[in-house]
Amino acid sequence: MRESCANELNHSLEELAREVVIGDEFDLQIERARVEELRERLENFGAVNMMALEELSESDERLAFLTTQRDDITKGIAATEEALREIKRRSRERFRDAFEKIIKLQRAFQRTIRRRPRRDELDRHRRRARVRHRHHRSTAR
């Protein structure tokens, strides 16, 4: 028993005897039955995976890594969406500016066309100019 105490509990039998106070209600038979019950329950646990703590640690590291990756991707998506909104805003602004310039040019062109004499008016002016020119040459002789 001394050897079991030293190996399993890391205490000598004498140390344990000094620490434990046995009360008047202590029943050795009940306590032995309790020990047997606990021993059976312990054996029924089956094999303990000694690597479980190491696997848990590795899983925690992997979770932290993947969480960081997910957060980075989420931030990247948000930044890309913001960039697209800015590109869309600038494109619309540039299109609106170009469209307004085209409208101004179209109006200016229409004003110019309205002021310009029509072709039949130009022909009439040319004929008058020829007549005046002939008339001027004939009077100049």
C-alpha atoms as a PDB file:
ATOM      1  CA  MET A   1       0.000   0.000   0.000  1.00  0.00           C
ATOM      2  CA  ARG A   2       2.888   2.329   0.772  1.00  0.00           C
ATOM      3  CA  GLU A   3       4.200   1.800  -2.721  1.00  0.00           C
ATOM      4  CA  SER A   4       0.787   2.522  -4.297  1.00  0.00           C
ATOM      5  CA  CYS A   5       0.460   5.780  -2.351  1.00  0.00           C
ATOM      6  CA  ALA A   6       3.892   6.901  -3.416  1.00  0.00           C
ATOM      7  CA  ASN A   7       3.417   5.929  -7.103  1.00  0.00           C
ATOM      8  CA  GLU A   8      -0.196   6.911  -7.684  1.00  0.00           C
ATOM      9  CA  LEU A   9      -0.650   9.851  -5.317  1.00  0.00           C
ATOM     10  CA  ASN A  10       2.925  11.173  -5.074  1.00  0.00           C
ATOM     11  CA  HIS A  11       2.618  11.137  -1.246  1.00  0.00           C
ATOM     12  CA  SER A  12       3.726   8.681   1.379  1.00  0.00           C
ATOM     13  CA  LEU A  13       1.160   6.771   3.422  1.00  0.00           C
ATOM     14  CA  GLU A  14       2.287   8.595   6.546  1.00  0.00           C
ATOM     15  CA  GLU A  15       1.761  12.032   4.902  1.00  0.00           C
ATOM     16  CA  LEU A  16      -1.736  11.095   3.838  1.00  0.00           C
ATOM     17  CA  ALA A  17      -2.557   9.720   7.322  1.00  0.00           C
ATOM     18  CA  ARG A  18      -1.519  13.014   8.930  1.00  0.00           C
ATOM     19  CA  GLU A  19      -3.638  15.082   6.487  1.00  0.00           C
ATOM     20  CA  VAL A  20      -6.839  13.043   6.682  1.00  0.00           C
ATOM     21  CA  VAL A  21      -9.066  13.449   9.713  1.00  0.00           C
ATOM     22  CA  ILE A  22     -11.453  10.560  10.217  1.00  0.00           C
ATOM     23  CA  GLY A  23     -14.751  11.489  11.824  1.00  0.00           C
ATOM     24  CA  ASP A  24     -17.017   9.367  14.011  1.00  0.00           C
ATOM     25  CA  GLU A  25     -19.445   8.744  11.150  1.00  0.00           C
ATOM     26  CA  PHE A  26     -16.726   7.012   9.027  1.00  0.00           C
ATOM     27  CA  ASP A  27     -17.722   3.485   7.929  1.00  0.00           C
ATOM     28  CA  LEU A  28     -14.919   1.467   6.407  1.00  0.00           C
ATOM     29  CA  GLN A  29     -17.240  -0.884   4.498  1.00  0.00           C
ATOM     30  CA  ILE A  30     -19.165   2.013   2.905  1.00  0.00           C
ATOM     31  CA  GLU A  31     -15.950   3.771   1.949  1.00  0.00           C
ATOM     32  CA  ARG A  32     -14.463   0.587   0.412  1.00  0.00           C
ATOM     33  CA  ALA A  33     -17.614   0.150  -1.655  1.00  0.00           C
ATOM     34  CA  ARG A  34     -17.370   3.796  -2.705  1.00  0.00           C
ATOM     35  CA  VAL A  35     -13.711   3.315  -3.722  1.00  0.00           C
ATOM     36  CA  GLU A  36     -14.652   0.246  -5.778  1.00  0.00           C
ATOM     37  CA  GLU A  37     -17.469   2.168  -7.458  1.00  0.00           C
ATOM     38  CA  LEU A  38     -15.118   5.026  -8.310  1.00  0.00           C
ATOM     39  CA  ARG A  39     -12.473   2.572  -9.572  1.00  0.00           C
ATOM     40  CA  GLU A  40     -15.053   0.936 -11.884  1.00  0.00           C
ATOM     41  CA  ARG A  41     -16.226   4.299 -13.171  1.00  0.00           C
ATOM     42  CA  LEU A  42     -12.621   5.265 -13.859  1.00  0.00           C
ATOM     43  CA  GLU A  43     -11.988   2.049 -15.764  1.00  0.00           C
ATOM     44  CA  ASN A  44     -15.189   2.552 -17.786  1.00  0.00           C
ATOM     45  CA  PHE A  45     -13.849   5.837 -19.107  1.00  0.00           C
ATOM     46  CA  GLY A  46     -11.861   3.751 -21.534  1.00  0.00           C
ATOM     47  CA  ALA A  47      -8.628   4.781 -23.130  1.00  0.00           C
ATOM     48  CA  VAL A  48      -7.758   8.422 -22.668  1.00  0.00           C
ATOM     49  CA  ASN A  49      -6.442  10.138 -25.756  1.00  0.00           C
ATOM     50  CA  MET A  50      -3.230  11.664 -24.467  1.00  0.00           C
ATOM     51  CA  MET A  51      -2.886  13.620 -27.696  1.00  0.00           C
ATOM     52  CA  ALA A  52      -6.244  15.360 -27.160  1.00  0.00           C
ATOM     53  CA  LEU A  53      -4.713  18.438 -25.522  1.00  0.00           C
ATOM     54  CA  GLU A  54      -2.147  18.781 -28.291  1.00  0.00           C
ATOM     55  CA  GLU A  55      -4.864  18.327 -30.928  1.00  0.00           C
ATOM     56  CA  LEU A  56      -7.005  20.921 -29.148  1.00  0.00           C
ATOM     57  CA  SER A  57      -4.100  23.364 -29.175  1.00  0.00           C
ATOM     58  CA  GLU A  58      -3.498  22.755 -32.890  1.00  0.00           C
ATOM     59  CA  SER A  59      -7.221  23.179 -33.584  1.00  0.00           C
ATOM     60  CA  ASP A  60      -7.228  26.471 -31.657  1.00  0.00           C
ATOM     61  CA  GLU A  61      -4.248  27.704 -33.694  1.00  0.00           C
ATOM     62  CA  ARG A  62      -5.959  26.671 -36.935  1.00  0.00           C
ATOM     63  CA  LEU A  63      -9.175  28.414 -35.867  1.00  0.00           C
ATOM     64  CA  ALA A  64      -7.243  31.608 -35.077  1.00  0.00           C
ATOM     65  CA  PHE A  65      -5.482  31.438 -38.457  1.00  0.00           C
ATOM     66  CA  LEU A  66      -8.727  30.837 -40.374  1.00  0.00           C
ATOM     67  CA  THR A  67     -10.518  33.577 -38.427  1.00  0.00           C
ATOM     68  CA  THR A  68      -7.742  36.014 -39.359  1.00  0.00           C
ATOM     69  CA  GLN A  69      -7.962  34.907 -42.994  1.00  0.00           C
ATOM     70  CA  ARG A  70     -11.753  35.361 -43.000  1.00  0.00           C
ATOM     71  CA  ASP A  71     -11.415  38.825 -41.450  1.00  0.00           C
ATOM     72  CA  ASP A  72      -8.801  39.800 -44.058  1.00  0.00           C
ATOM     73  CA  ILE A  73     -11.039  38.577 -46.875  1.00  0.00           C
ATOM     74  CA  THR A  74     -14.037  40.422 -45.430  1.00  0.00           C
ATOM     75  CA  LYS A  75     -12.005  43.628 -45.196  1.00  0.00           C
ATOM     76  CA  GLY A  76     -10.750  43.096 -48.774  1.00  0.00           C
ATOM     77  CA  ILE A  77     -14.301  42.662 -50.043  1.00  0.00           C
ATOM     78  CA  ALA A  78     -15.411  45.811 -48.230  1.00  0.00           C
ATOM     79  CA  ALA A  79     -12.483  47.787 -49.680  1.00  0.00           C
ATOM     80  CA  THR A  80     -13.240  46.469 -53.181  1.00  0.00           C
ATOM     81  CA  GLU A  81     -16.906  47.401 -52.853  1.00  0.00           C
ATOM     82  CA  GLU A  82     -15.928  50.898 -51.733  1.00  0.00           C
ATOM     83  CA  ALA A  83     -13.541  51.231 -54.683  1.00  0.00           C
ATOM     84  CA  LEU A  84     -16.304  50.126 -57.070  1.00  0.00           C
ATOM     85  CA  ARG A  85     -18.699  52.690 -55.588  1.00  0.00           C
ATOM     86  CA  GLU A  86     -16.055  55.398 -56.098  1.00  0.00           C
ATOM     87  CA  ILE A  87     -15.397  54.277 -59.688  1.00  0.00           C
ATOM     88  CA  LYS A  88     -19.130  54.288 -60.386  1.00  0.00           C
ATOM     89  CA  ARG A  89     -19.521  57.772 -58.875  1.00  0.00           C
ATOM     90  CA  ARG A  90     -16.600  59.170 -60.875  1.00  0.00           C
ATOM     91  CA  SER A  91     -17.782  57.498 -64.093  1.00  0.00           C
ATOM     92  CA  ARG A  92     -21.242  58.996 -63.708  1.00  0.00           C
ATOM     93  CA  GLU A  93     -19.734  62.391 -62.977  1.00  0.00           C
ATOM     94  CA  ARG A  94     -17.505  62.236 -66.052  1.00  0.00           C
ATOM     95  CA  PHE A  95     -20.363  60.991 -68.225  1.00  0.00           C
ATOM     96  CA  ARG A  96     -22.589  63.815 -66.963  1.00  0.00           C
ATOM     97  CA  ASP A  97     -19.830  66.385 -67.681  1.00  0.00           C
ATOM     98  CA  ALA A  98     -19.259  64.993 -71.182  1.00  0.00           C
ATOM     99  CA  PHE A  99     -22.998  64.884 -71.853  1.00  0.00           C
ATOM    100  CA  GLU A 100     -23.405  68.505 -70.740  1.00  0.00           C
ATOM    101  CA  LYS A 101     -20.535  69.546 -73.028  1.00  0.00           C
ATOM    102  CA  ILE A 102     -22.127  67.697 -75.947  1.00  0.00           C
ATOM    103  CA  ILE A 103     -25.460  69.416 -75.279  1.00  0.00           C
ATOM    104  CA  LYS A 104     -23.707  72.820 -75.194  1.00  0.00           C
ATOM    105  CA  LEU A 105     -21.910  72.057 -78.469  1.00  0.00           C
ATOM    106  CA  GLN A 106     -25.163  70.888 -80.047  1.00  0.00           C
ATOM    107  CA  ARG A 107     -26.917  74.113 -79.017  1.00  0.00           C
ATOM    108  CA  ALA A 108     -24.030  76.215 -80.296  1.00  0.00           C
ATOM    109  CA  PHE A 109     -24.082  74.298 -83.577  1.00  0.00           C
ATOM    110  CA  GLN A 110     -27.841  74.831 -83.918  1.00  0.00           C
ATOM    111  CA  ARG A 111     -27.432  78.565 -83.263  1.00  0.00           C
ATOM    112  CA  THR A 112     -24.711  78.688 -85.905  1.00  0.00           C
ATOM    113  CA  ILE A 113     -26.888  76.838 -88.422  1.00  0.00           C
ATOM    114  CA  ARG A 114     -29.820  79.184 -87.771  1.00  0.00           C
ATOM    115  CA  ARG A 115     -27.663  82.258 -88.322  1.00  0.00           C
ATOM    116  CA  ARG A 116     -26.115  80.906 -91.522  1.00  0.00           C
ATOM    117  CA  PRO A 117     -28.049  81.761 -94.660  1.00  0.00           C
ATOM    118  CA  ARG A 118     -29.749  78.912 -96.406  1.00  0.00           C
ATOM    119  CA  ARG A 119     -28.474  77.711 -99.779  1.00  0.00           C
ATOM    120  CA  ASP A 120     -31.119  79.503-101.841  1.00  0.00           C
ATOM    121  CA  GLU A 121     -30.243  82.731-100.045  1.00  0.00           C
ATOM    122  CA  LEU A 122     -26.558  82.118-100.822  1.00  0.00           C
ATOM    123  CA  ASP A 123     -27.389  81.528-104.497  1.00  0.00           C
ATOM    124  CA  ARG A 124     -29.392  84.779-104.594  1.00  0.00           C
ATOM    125  CA  HIS A 125     -26.488  86.688-103.020  1.00  0.00           C
ATOM    126  CA  ARG A 126     -24.038  85.199-105.530  1.00  0.00           C
ATOM    127  CA  ARG A 127     -26.258  86.147-108.483  1.00  0.00           C
ATOM    128  CA  ARG A 128     -26.578  89.703-107.211  1.00  0.00           C
ATOM    129  CA  ALA A 129     -22.849  89.858-106.715  1.00  0.00           C
ATOM    130  CA  ARG A 130     -22.251  88.706-110.313  1.00  0.00           C
ATOM    131  CA  VAL A 131     -24.729  91.198-111.640  1.00  0.00           C
ATOM    132  CA  ARG A 132     -23.068  93.999-109.703  1.00  0.00           C
ATOM    133  CA  HIS A 133     -19.695  92.816-110.848  1.00  0.00           C
ATOM    134  CA  ARG A 134     -20.777  92.816-114.514  1.00  0.00           C
ATOM    135  CA  HIS A 135     -22.471  96.106-114.071  1.00  0.00           C
ATOM    136  CA  HIS A 136     -19.357  97.543-112.487  1.00  0.00           C
ATOM    137  CA  ARG A 137     -17.139  96.255-115.318  1.00  0.00           C
ATOM    138  CA  SER A 138     -19.444  97.615-117.967  1.00  0.00           C
ATOM    139  CA  THR A 139     -19.603 101.059-116.400  1.00  0.00           C
ATOM    140  CA  ALA A 140     -15.911 101.115-115.830  1.00  0.00           C
ATOM    141  CA  ARG A 141     -15.172 100.887-119.598  1.00  0.00           C
END
